[in-house]
Amino acid sequence: MEDDDLAGVLPPQNGFEIEEPSISERQAIFLEAISQSGCRDGEAAAIAGVHRVTAWRWQLEPRFADQVREARKVGVQKLIAEAERRAMRGSDMLLKFLLCNYDPERFRDRQAVDVKGNVSLEVYTGIPSPVDDLL
């Protein structure tokens, strides 16, 4: 068996870690789909030609899960840029949505209810109490 065949299997030697094997071509396609379009895992799995459960299993490996998170960040930034572009070209609802998310203190939908005065509450349980006899 060659040393290359044991990469990722053997423990570290002489204080140096053996490098993990790189991701597969399908995993690279999966990550690319997420980062380029912001699509969900199931869609990215279909683009990569694998079942969504396979993509889920890949993400059980911490290093790949980190790569997926980074790909999602890139994909979300692209979605935000596209939403901003569309909002500036005439989509009032989309523009309102973006403003509410970017600066919620200034642009969120608010409904304030101000109640002043005294409120009395009478509770009737139907069970006589000793206090009722004193009144």
N, C-alpha and C. Protein backbone atom coordinates (compact mmCIF):
# COMPACT_ATOMS: atom_id res chain seq x y z
N MET A 1 0.85 -1.18 0.00
CA MET A 1 0.00 0.00 0.00
C MET A 1 0.90 1.24 0.00
N GLU A 2 0.65 2.19 -0.88
CA GLU A 2 1.43 3.42 -1.01
C GLU A 2 1.09 4.37 0.14
N ASP A 3 2.00 5.29 0.47
CA ASP A 3 1.75 6.28 1.51
C ASP A 3 0.55 7.15 1.17
N ASP A 4 0.38 7.45 -0.13
CA ASP A 4 -0.75 8.29 -0.54
C ASP A 4 -2.08 7.62 -0.25
N ASP A 5 -2.10 6.29 -0.29
CA ASP A 5 -3.34 5.57 -0.03
C ASP A 5 -3.76 5.67 1.43
N LEU A 6 -2.80 6.03 2.30
CA LEU A 6 -3.08 6.08 3.73
C LEU A 6 -3.38 7.49 4.23
N ALA A 7 -3.35 8.46 3.34
CA ALA A 7 -3.64 9.84 3.75
C ALA A 7 -5.02 9.91 4.37
N GLY A 8 -5.12 10.55 5.51
CA GLY A 8 -6.40 10.66 6.21
C GLY A 8 -6.71 9.47 7.08
N VAL A 9 -5.91 8.38 6.97
CA VAL A 9 -6.13 7.17 7.76
C VAL A 9 -5.10 7.07 8.86
N LEU A 10 -3.85 7.37 8.53
CA LEU A 10 -2.77 7.27 9.50
C LEU A 10 -2.81 8.45 10.48
N PRO A 11 -2.38 8.22 11.72
CA PRO A 11 -2.27 9.33 12.67
C PRO A 11 -1.13 10.24 12.26
N PRO A 12 -1.11 11.49 12.79
CA PRO A 12 -0.02 12.40 12.46
C PRO A 12 1.33 11.81 12.89
N GLN A 13 2.37 12.06 12.09
CA GLN A 13 3.71 11.54 12.39
C GLN A 13 4.65 12.73 12.54
N ASN A 14 5.54 12.65 13.53
CA ASN A 14 6.55 13.68 13.75
C ASN A 14 5.95 15.07 13.92
N GLY A 15 4.74 15.16 14.47
CA GLY A 15 4.12 16.46 14.70
C GLY A 15 3.49 17.09 13.48
N PHE A 16 3.59 16.46 12.32
CA PHE A 16 2.97 16.98 11.11
C PHE A 16 1.70 16.21 10.82
N GLU A 17 0.65 16.94 10.52
CA GLU A 17 -0.59 16.25 10.18
C GLU A 17 -0.59 15.88 8.70
N ILE A 18 -1.13 14.72 8.42
CA ILE A 18 -1.28 14.31 7.02
C ILE A 18 -2.49 15.06 6.48
N GLU A 19 -2.31 15.67 5.34
CA GLU A 19 -3.36 16.49 4.76
C GLU A 19 -4.59 15.65 4.41
N GLU A 20 -5.77 16.23 4.71
CA GLU A 20 -7.03 15.57 4.37
C GLU A 20 -7.19 15.51 2.85
N PRO A 21 -7.87 14.48 2.37
CA PRO A 21 -8.12 14.44 0.93
C PRO A 21 -9.00 15.62 0.51
N SER A 22 -8.81 16.10 -0.69
CA SER A 22 -9.61 17.24 -1.16
C SER A 22 -11.03 16.78 -1.46
N ILE A 23 -11.88 17.75 -1.69
CA ILE A 23 -13.29 17.42 -1.95
C ILE A 23 -13.43 16.81 -3.34
N SER A 24 -14.50 16.08 -3.51
CA SER A 24 -14.75 15.43 -4.80
C SER A 24 -15.28 16.45 -5.81
N GLU A 25 -15.31 16.05 -7.05
CA GLU A 25 -15.83 16.92 -8.10
C GLU A 25 -17.30 17.25 -7.85
N ARG A 26 -18.08 16.27 -7.40
CA ARG A 26 -19.50 16.52 -7.13
C ARG A 26 -19.69 17.47 -5.95
N GLN A 27 -18.83 17.35 -4.94
CA GLN A 27 -18.90 18.28 -3.81
C GLN A 27 -18.56 19.69 -4.26
N ALA A 28 -17.59 19.82 -5.16
CA ALA A 28 -17.22 21.13 -5.69
C ALA A 28 -18.38 21.74 -6.47
N ILE A 29 -19.08 20.92 -7.25
CA ILE A 29 -20.25 21.41 -8.01
C ILE A 29 -21.35 21.84 -7.04
N PHE A 30 -21.56 21.06 -5.99
CA PHE A 30 -22.55 21.38 -4.96
C PHE A 30 -22.24 22.75 -4.35
N LEU A 31 -20.99 22.97 -3.94
CA LEU A 31 -20.59 24.25 -3.33
C LEU A 31 -20.74 25.40 -4.33
N GLU A 32 -20.35 25.15 -5.56
CA GLU A 32 -20.45 26.19 -6.60
C GLU A 32 -21.90 26.60 -6.84
N ALA A 33 -22.80 25.61 -6.85
CA ALA A 33 -24.22 25.92 -7.06
C ALA A 33 -24.76 26.80 -5.93
N ILE A 34 -24.38 26.51 -4.71
CA ILE A 34 -24.84 27.31 -3.57
C ILE A 34 -24.25 28.72 -3.64
N SER A 35 -22.97 28.82 -3.92
CA SER A 35 -22.33 30.14 -3.91
C SER A 35 -22.74 31.00 -5.10
N GLN A 36 -23.04 30.40 -6.24
CA GLN A 36 -23.39 31.18 -7.42
C GLN A 36 -24.84 31.62 -7.47
N SER A 37 -25.74 30.79 -6.90
CA SER A 37 -27.16 31.11 -7.03
C SER A 37 -27.89 31.25 -5.71
N GLY A 38 -27.25 30.86 -4.61
CA GLY A 38 -27.92 30.92 -3.32
C GLY A 38 -29.02 29.87 -3.18
N CYS A 39 -28.96 28.84 -4.01
CA CYS A 39 -30.01 27.82 -3.98
C CYS A 39 -29.93 26.98 -2.71
N ARG A 40 -31.01 26.28 -2.45
CA ARG A 40 -31.08 25.40 -1.28
C ARG A 40 -30.28 24.13 -1.54
N ASP A 41 -30.04 23.39 -0.45
CA ASP A 41 -29.23 22.17 -0.54
C ASP A 41 -29.81 21.16 -1.52
N GLY A 42 -31.11 20.96 -1.52
CA GLY A 42 -31.73 19.99 -2.43
C GLY A 42 -31.50 20.34 -3.88
N GLU A 43 -31.62 21.64 -4.20
CA GLU A 43 -31.37 22.08 -5.57
C GLU A 43 -29.90 21.92 -5.94
N ALA A 44 -29.01 22.28 -5.01
CA ALA A 44 -27.58 22.14 -5.28
C ALA A 44 -27.19 20.67 -5.46
N ALA A 45 -27.81 19.80 -4.68
CA ALA A 45 -27.54 18.36 -4.81
C ALA A 45 -27.97 17.87 -6.19
N ALA A 46 -29.13 18.32 -6.64
CA ALA A 46 -29.61 17.91 -7.97
C ALA A 46 -28.64 18.39 -9.06
N ILE A 47 -28.16 19.61 -8.92
CA ILE A 47 -27.19 20.14 -9.90
C ILE A 47 -25.91 19.31 -9.88
N ALA A 48 -25.50 18.87 -8.69
CA ALA A 48 -24.29 18.05 -8.57
C ALA A 48 -24.52 16.60 -8.96
N GLY A 49 -25.78 16.23 -9.18
CA GLY A 49 -26.08 14.86 -9.60
C GLY A 49 -26.09 13.86 -8.47
N VAL A 50 -26.40 14.33 -7.23
CA VAL A 50 -26.48 13.43 -6.08
C VAL A 50 -27.81 13.63 -5.37
N HIS A 51 -28.17 12.68 -4.54
CA HIS A 51 -29.39 12.78 -3.74
C HIS A 51 -29.15 13.78 -2.61
N ARG A 52 -30.20 14.45 -2.18
CA ARG A 52 -30.07 15.44 -1.11
C ARG A 52 -29.55 14.84 0.19
N VAL A 53 -29.85 13.56 0.44
CA VAL A 53 -29.34 12.89 1.64
C VAL A 53 -27.82 12.75 1.57
N THR A 54 -27.30 12.53 0.37
CA THR A 54 -25.85 12.46 0.19
C THR A 54 -25.23 13.81 0.56
N ALA A 55 -25.83 14.90 0.10
CA ALA A 55 -25.33 16.24 0.44
C ALA A 55 -25.40 16.47 1.94
N TRP A 56 -26.44 15.99 2.56
CA TRP A 56 -26.58 16.12 4.02
C TRP A 56 -25.46 15.34 4.72
N ARG A 57 -25.18 14.14 4.23
CA ARG A 57 -24.10 13.33 4.83
C ARG A 57 -22.74 13.99 4.67
N TRP A 58 -22.51 14.61 3.52
CA TRP A 58 -21.25 15.32 3.32
C TRP A 58 -21.06 16.37 4.41
N GLN A 59 -22.16 17.02 4.79
CA GLN A 59 -22.07 18.11 5.75
C GLN A 59 -21.88 17.63 7.19
N LEU A 60 -21.89 16.34 7.42
CA LEU A 60 -21.57 15.81 8.73
C LEU A 60 -20.06 15.94 9.00
N GLU A 61 -19.30 16.08 7.93
CA GLU A 61 -17.86 16.27 8.06
C GLU A 61 -17.62 17.77 8.31
N PRO A 62 -17.04 18.14 9.46
CA PRO A 62 -16.93 19.56 9.84
C PRO A 62 -16.26 20.47 8.81
N ARG A 63 -15.20 20.00 8.16
CA ARG A 63 -14.53 20.87 7.19
C ARG A 63 -15.43 21.17 6.00
N PHE A 64 -16.16 20.17 5.55
CA PHE A 64 -17.07 20.42 4.42
C PHE A 64 -18.23 21.30 4.87
N ALA A 65 -18.73 21.08 6.08
CA ALA A 65 -19.82 21.92 6.60
C ALA A 65 -19.38 23.38 6.65
N ASP A 66 -18.13 23.64 7.02
CA ASP A 66 -17.60 25.01 7.02
C ASP A 66 -17.60 25.58 5.60
N GLN A 67 -17.21 24.75 4.63
CA GLN A 67 -17.20 25.21 3.24
C GLN A 67 -18.62 25.53 2.75
N VAL A 68 -19.58 24.75 3.18
CA VAL A 68 -20.98 25.01 2.80
C VAL A 68 -21.42 26.34 3.40
N ARG A 69 -21.09 26.59 4.67
CA ARG A 69 -21.47 27.86 5.30
C ARG A 69 -20.87 29.05 4.55
N GLU A 70 -19.62 28.91 4.15
CA GLU A 70 -18.97 30.00 3.40
C GLU A 70 -19.62 30.18 2.03
N ALA A 71 -19.96 29.09 1.38
CA ALA A 71 -20.63 29.17 0.08
C ALA A 71 -21.99 29.85 0.22
N ARG A 72 -22.69 29.55 1.31
CA ARG A 72 -24.00 30.19 1.55
C ARG A 72 -23.84 31.69 1.74
N LYS A 73 -22.81 32.11 2.46
CA LYS A 73 -22.58 33.55 2.65
C LYS A 73 -22.41 34.25 1.31
N VAL A 74 -21.62 33.64 0.43
CA VAL A 74 -21.40 34.21 -0.90
C VAL A 74 -22.71 34.24 -1.67
N GLY A 75 -23.46 33.13 -1.62
CA GLY A 75 -24.74 33.06 -2.33
C GLY A 75 -25.74 34.08 -1.82
N VAL A 76 -25.80 34.27 -0.52
CA VAL A 76 -26.73 35.25 0.06
C VAL A 76 -26.34 36.66 -0.38
N GLN A 77 -25.04 36.97 -0.41
CA GLN A 77 -24.61 38.28 -0.86
C GLN A 77 -25.04 38.53 -2.31
N LYS A 78 -24.98 37.50 -3.13
CA LYS A 78 -25.42 37.65 -4.52
C LYS A 78 -26.93 37.87 -4.60
N LEU A 79 -27.68 37.15 -3.76
CA LEU A 79 -29.14 37.35 -3.72
C LEU A 79 -29.49 38.76 -3.26
N ILE A 80 -28.77 39.24 -2.26
CA ILE A 80 -29.01 40.60 -1.77
C ILE A 80 -28.73 41.62 -2.87
N ALA A 81 -27.62 41.46 -3.57
CA ALA A 81 -27.28 42.38 -4.66
C ALA A 81 -28.36 42.38 -5.73
N GLU A 82 -28.87 41.19 -6.06
CA GLU A 82 -29.93 41.10 -7.08
C GLU A 82 -31.22 41.74 -6.58
N ALA A 83 -31.56 41.52 -5.31
CA ALA A 83 -32.77 42.12 -4.74
C ALA A 83 -32.66 43.64 -4.74
N GLU A 84 -31.48 44.15 -4.40
CA GLU A 84 -31.29 45.60 -4.41
C GLU A 84 -31.42 46.15 -5.82
N ARG A 85 -30.86 45.45 -6.78
CA ARG A 85 -30.96 45.89 -8.18
C ARG A 85 -32.41 45.95 -8.62
N ARG A 86 -33.17 44.91 -8.31
CA ARG A 86 -34.58 44.88 -8.69
C ARG A 86 -35.39 45.94 -7.94
N ALA A 87 -35.08 46.14 -6.66
CA ALA A 87 -35.81 47.13 -5.87
C ALA A 87 -35.61 48.53 -6.44
N MET A 88 -34.41 48.83 -6.89
CA MET A 88 -34.12 50.15 -7.43
C MET A 88 -34.73 50.35 -8.81
N ARG A 89 -35.17 49.29 -9.43
CA ARG A 89 -35.79 49.39 -10.76
C ARG A 89 -37.31 49.35 -10.70
N GLY A 90 -37.87 49.58 -9.51
CA GLY A 90 -39.31 49.75 -9.49
C GLY A 90 -40.12 48.81 -8.62
N SER A 91 -39.53 47.92 -7.90
CA SER A 91 -40.32 47.04 -7.04
C SER A 91 -40.45 47.67 -5.65
N ASP A 92 -41.56 48.39 -5.44
CA ASP A 92 -41.78 49.08 -4.17
C ASP A 92 -41.83 48.12 -2.98
N MET A 93 -42.48 46.98 -3.16
CA MET A 93 -42.58 46.03 -2.05
C MET A 93 -41.20 45.47 -1.69
N LEU A 94 -40.41 45.17 -2.68
CA LEU A 94 -39.07 44.65 -2.42
C LEU A 94 -38.21 45.72 -1.76
N LEU A 95 -38.33 46.96 -2.22
CA LEU A 95 -37.58 48.05 -1.61
C LEU A 95 -37.99 48.23 -0.15
N LYS A 96 -39.28 48.17 0.12
CA LYS A 96 -39.77 48.30 1.49
C LYS A 96 -39.22 47.16 2.36
N PHE A 97 -39.25 45.96 1.83
CA PHE A 97 -38.74 44.80 2.56
C PHE A 97 -37.26 44.98 2.90
N LEU A 98 -36.47 45.41 1.92
CA LEU A 98 -35.04 45.59 2.15
C LEU A 98 -34.78 46.69 3.18
N LEU A 99 -35.51 47.79 3.08
CA LEU A 99 -35.32 48.87 4.05
C LEU A 99 -35.69 48.42 5.46
N CYS A 100 -36.77 47.64 5.58
CA CYS A 100 -37.17 47.12 6.90
C CYS A 100 -36.10 46.21 7.48
N ASN A 101 -35.42 45.46 6.65
CA ASN A 101 -34.39 44.57 7.14
C ASN A 101 -33.06 45.29 7.40
N TYR A 102 -32.74 46.27 6.58
CA TYR A 102 -31.47 46.98 6.75
C TYR A 102 -31.51 47.95 7.93
N ASP A 103 -32.64 48.59 8.15
CA ASP A 103 -32.74 49.58 9.24
C ASP A 103 -34.11 49.45 9.91
N PRO A 104 -34.29 48.38 10.69
CA PRO A 104 -35.62 48.12 11.27
C PRO A 104 -36.12 49.21 12.21
N GLU A 105 -35.21 49.94 12.86
CA GLU A 105 -35.66 51.00 13.77
C GLU A 105 -36.36 52.12 13.02
N ARG A 106 -35.94 52.38 11.80
CA ARG A 106 -36.55 53.46 11.03
C ARG A 106 -37.68 52.99 10.12
N PHE A 107 -37.60 51.76 9.61
CA PHE A 107 -38.52 51.37 8.54
C PHE A 107 -39.45 50.21 8.85
N ARG A 108 -39.38 49.64 10.03
CA ARG A 108 -40.25 48.50 10.31
C ARG A 108 -41.71 48.94 10.41
N ASP A 109 -42.59 48.00 10.15
CA ASP A 109 -44.01 48.26 10.34
C ASP A 109 -44.27 48.30 11.83
N ARG A 110 -44.88 49.38 12.28
CA ARG A 110 -45.14 49.51 13.71
C ARG A 110 -46.61 49.73 13.96
N GLN A 111 -47.03 49.17 15.05
CA GLN A 111 -48.37 49.43 15.55
C GLN A 111 -48.24 49.65 17.04
N ALA A 112 -48.41 50.89 17.44
CA ALA A 112 -48.29 51.20 18.86
C ALA A 112 -49.69 51.39 19.43
N VAL A 113 -49.93 50.77 20.55
CA VAL A 113 -51.21 50.90 21.24
C VAL A 113 -50.91 51.51 22.60
N ASP A 114 -51.50 52.68 22.85
CA ASP A 114 -51.28 53.37 24.11
C ASP A 114 -52.58 53.32 24.90
N VAL A 115 -52.56 52.68 26.03
CA VAL A 115 -53.75 52.53 26.86
C VAL A 115 -53.52 53.32 28.14
N LYS A 116 -54.44 54.23 28.44
CA LYS A 116 -54.34 55.02 29.67
C LYS A 116 -55.65 54.87 30.43
N GLY A 117 -55.55 55.02 31.74
CA GLY A 117 -56.75 54.94 32.55
C GLY A 117 -56.69 53.77 33.50
N ASN A 118 -57.73 53.64 34.28
CA ASN A 118 -57.81 52.55 35.24
C ASN A 118 -58.58 51.39 34.64
N VAL A 119 -58.15 50.24 35.01
CA VAL A 119 -58.81 49.03 34.55
C VAL A 119 -59.20 48.23 35.78
N SER A 120 -60.48 47.87 35.84
CA SER A 120 -60.88 47.00 36.94
C SER A 120 -61.28 45.66 36.35
N LEU A 121 -61.02 44.65 37.11
CA LEU A 121 -61.27 43.31 36.64
C LEU A 121 -62.03 42.56 37.72
N GLU A 122 -63.12 41.99 37.32
CA GLU A 122 -63.91 41.21 38.25
C GLU A 122 -63.95 39.79 37.74
N VAL A 123 -63.59 38.87 38.61
CA VAL A 123 -63.55 37.47 38.23
C VAL A 123 -64.65 36.75 38.98
N TYR A 124 -65.49 36.06 38.25
CA TYR A 124 -66.54 35.27 38.86
C TYR A 124 -66.23 33.80 38.61
N THR A 125 -66.06 33.06 39.69
CA THR A 125 -65.75 31.66 39.56
C THR A 125 -66.95 30.77 39.81
N GLY A 126 -67.98 31.33 40.45
CA GLY A 126 -69.14 30.53 40.78
C GLY A 126 -68.98 29.79 42.10
N ILE A 127 -67.84 29.93 42.71
CA ILE A 127 -67.59 29.26 43.98
C ILE A 127 -67.65 30.33 45.08
N PRO A 128 -68.54 30.18 46.04
CA PRO A 128 -68.61 31.18 47.11
C PRO A 128 -67.33 31.19 47.94
N SER A 129 -66.92 32.37 48.39
CA SER A 129 -65.72 32.48 49.22
C SER A 129 -66.11 33.13 50.55
N PRO A 130 -65.35 32.96 51.59
CA PRO A 130 -65.65 33.57 52.88
C PRO A 130 -65.69 35.08 52.79
N VAL A 131 -64.95 35.67 51.87
CA VAL A 131 -64.95 37.12 51.72
C VAL A 131 -66.32 37.60 51.24
N ASP A 132 -67.00 36.82 50.39
CA ASP A 132 -68.32 37.20 49.90
C ASP A 132 -69.31 37.38 51.04
N ASP A 133 -69.18 36.58 52.09
CA ASP A 133 -70.08 36.68 53.23
C ASP A 133 -69.88 37.97 54.00
N LEU A 134 -68.69 38.54 53.97
CA LEU A 134 -68.38 39.77 54.70
C LEU A 134 -68.90 40.99 53.95
N LEU A 135 -69.14 40.89 52.68
CA LEU A 135 -69.59 42.02 51.88
C LEU A 135 -71.05 42.09 51.95
